[in-house]
Amino acid sequence: MATQSKMKFGLMYETEEGVREIEEWLDLHMQGEWALTVEGISDDLRKKNFKVLFELEHDKDLFKQHVSRV
């Protein structure tokens, strides 16, 4: 896992996807380091709120494009 000091770009992401799917996508597509943390889960356990941090702004933008299509 990357150190927080390298992570200059981030966003919050709400989804019904699982952690594994998100991590696999990030592993395949990110050029720099990234970090994913669970910030909250709905009472019915369906929706999750994640904080996604990126070393590179390009990676953040690529992730935003991907999730806007999902």
Protein backbone atom coordinates (compact mmCIF):
# COMPACT_ATOMS: atom_id res chain seq x y z
CA MET A 1 0.00 0.00 0.00
CA ALA A 2 1.19 3.48 -0.79
CA THR A 3 2.07 6.08 1.78
CA GLN A 4 -0.52 8.79 2.29
CA SER A 5 2.03 11.53 1.56
CA LYS A 6 2.28 10.39 -2.08
CA MET A 7 -1.47 10.62 -2.53
CA LYS A 8 -2.25 14.10 -3.80
CA PHE A 9 -5.56 13.40 -5.55
CA GLY A 10 -8.70 11.74 -4.28
CA LEU A 11 -12.42 11.33 -4.45
CA MET A 12 -15.35 9.74 -2.68
CA TYR A 13 -17.19 6.97 -4.49
CA GLU A 14 -20.53 5.33 -3.64
CA THR A 15 -21.34 2.00 -5.24
CA GLU A 16 -22.86 -1.44 -4.84
CA GLU A 17 -19.66 -2.99 -6.24
CA GLY A 18 -17.47 -5.01 -3.94
CA VAL A 19 -14.00 -4.04 -2.79
CA ARG A 20 -12.41 -6.84 -4.80
CA GLU A 21 -13.87 -5.63 -8.12
CA ILE A 22 -12.69 -2.09 -7.51
CA GLU A 23 -9.21 -3.18 -6.43
CA GLU A 24 -8.85 -5.45 -9.46
CA TRP A 25 -9.82 -2.61 -11.82
CA LEU A 26 -7.40 -0.22 -10.12
CA ASP A 27 -4.58 -2.80 -10.30
CA LEU A 28 -5.11 -3.24 -14.03
CA HIS A 29 -5.49 0.41 -15.03
CA MET A 30 -3.55 2.69 -12.69
CA GLN A 31 -0.02 3.83 -13.55
CA GLY A 32 0.79 5.29 -10.14
CA GLU A 33 0.06 4.18 -6.62
CA TRP A 34 -3.43 4.29 -5.16
CA ALA A 35 -5.25 3.57 -1.90
CA LEU A 36 -8.84 2.47 -1.28
CA THR A 37 -10.57 2.78 2.09
CA VAL A 38 -14.13 1.97 3.12
CA GLU A 39 -15.72 5.07 4.63
CA GLY A 40 -19.22 3.68 5.21
CA ILE A 41 -21.69 0.90 4.47
CA SER A 42 -25.48 1.17 4.25
CA ASP A 43 -27.63 -0.62 6.83
CA ASP A 44 -28.67 -3.23 4.25
CA LEU A 45 -24.97 -3.72 3.30
CA ARG A 46 -25.64 -3.00 -0.38
CA LYS A 47 -24.10 0.44 -0.81
CA LYS A 48 -20.57 1.24 0.19
CA ASN A 49 -18.79 4.58 0.39
CA PHE A 50 -15.12 4.52 -0.52
CA LYS A 51 -12.35 7.06 -0.40
CA VAL A 52 -10.02 6.51 -3.36
CA LEU A 53 -6.64 8.25 -3.30
CA PHE A 54 -4.26 8.53 -6.23
CA GLU A 55 -0.63 9.47 -6.68
CA LEU A 56 -1.31 10.73 -10.23
CA GLU A 57 -4.05 13.11 -11.33
CA HIS A 58 -4.33 11.20 -14.62
CA ASP A 59 -5.26 8.05 -12.70
CA LYS A 60 -7.96 9.92 -10.77
CA ASP A 61 -9.41 11.24 -14.03
CA LEU A 62 -9.33 7.77 -15.61
CA PHE A 63 -11.14 6.29 -12.60
CA LYS A 64 -13.78 9.04 -12.76
CA GLN A 65 -14.37 8.27 -16.45
CA HIS A 66 -14.71 4.57 -15.68
CA VAL A 67 -17.20 4.96 -12.83
CA SER A 68 -19.31 7.45 -14.77
CA ARG A 69 -19.94 4.67 -17.33
CA VAL A 70 -20.77 1.97 -14.76
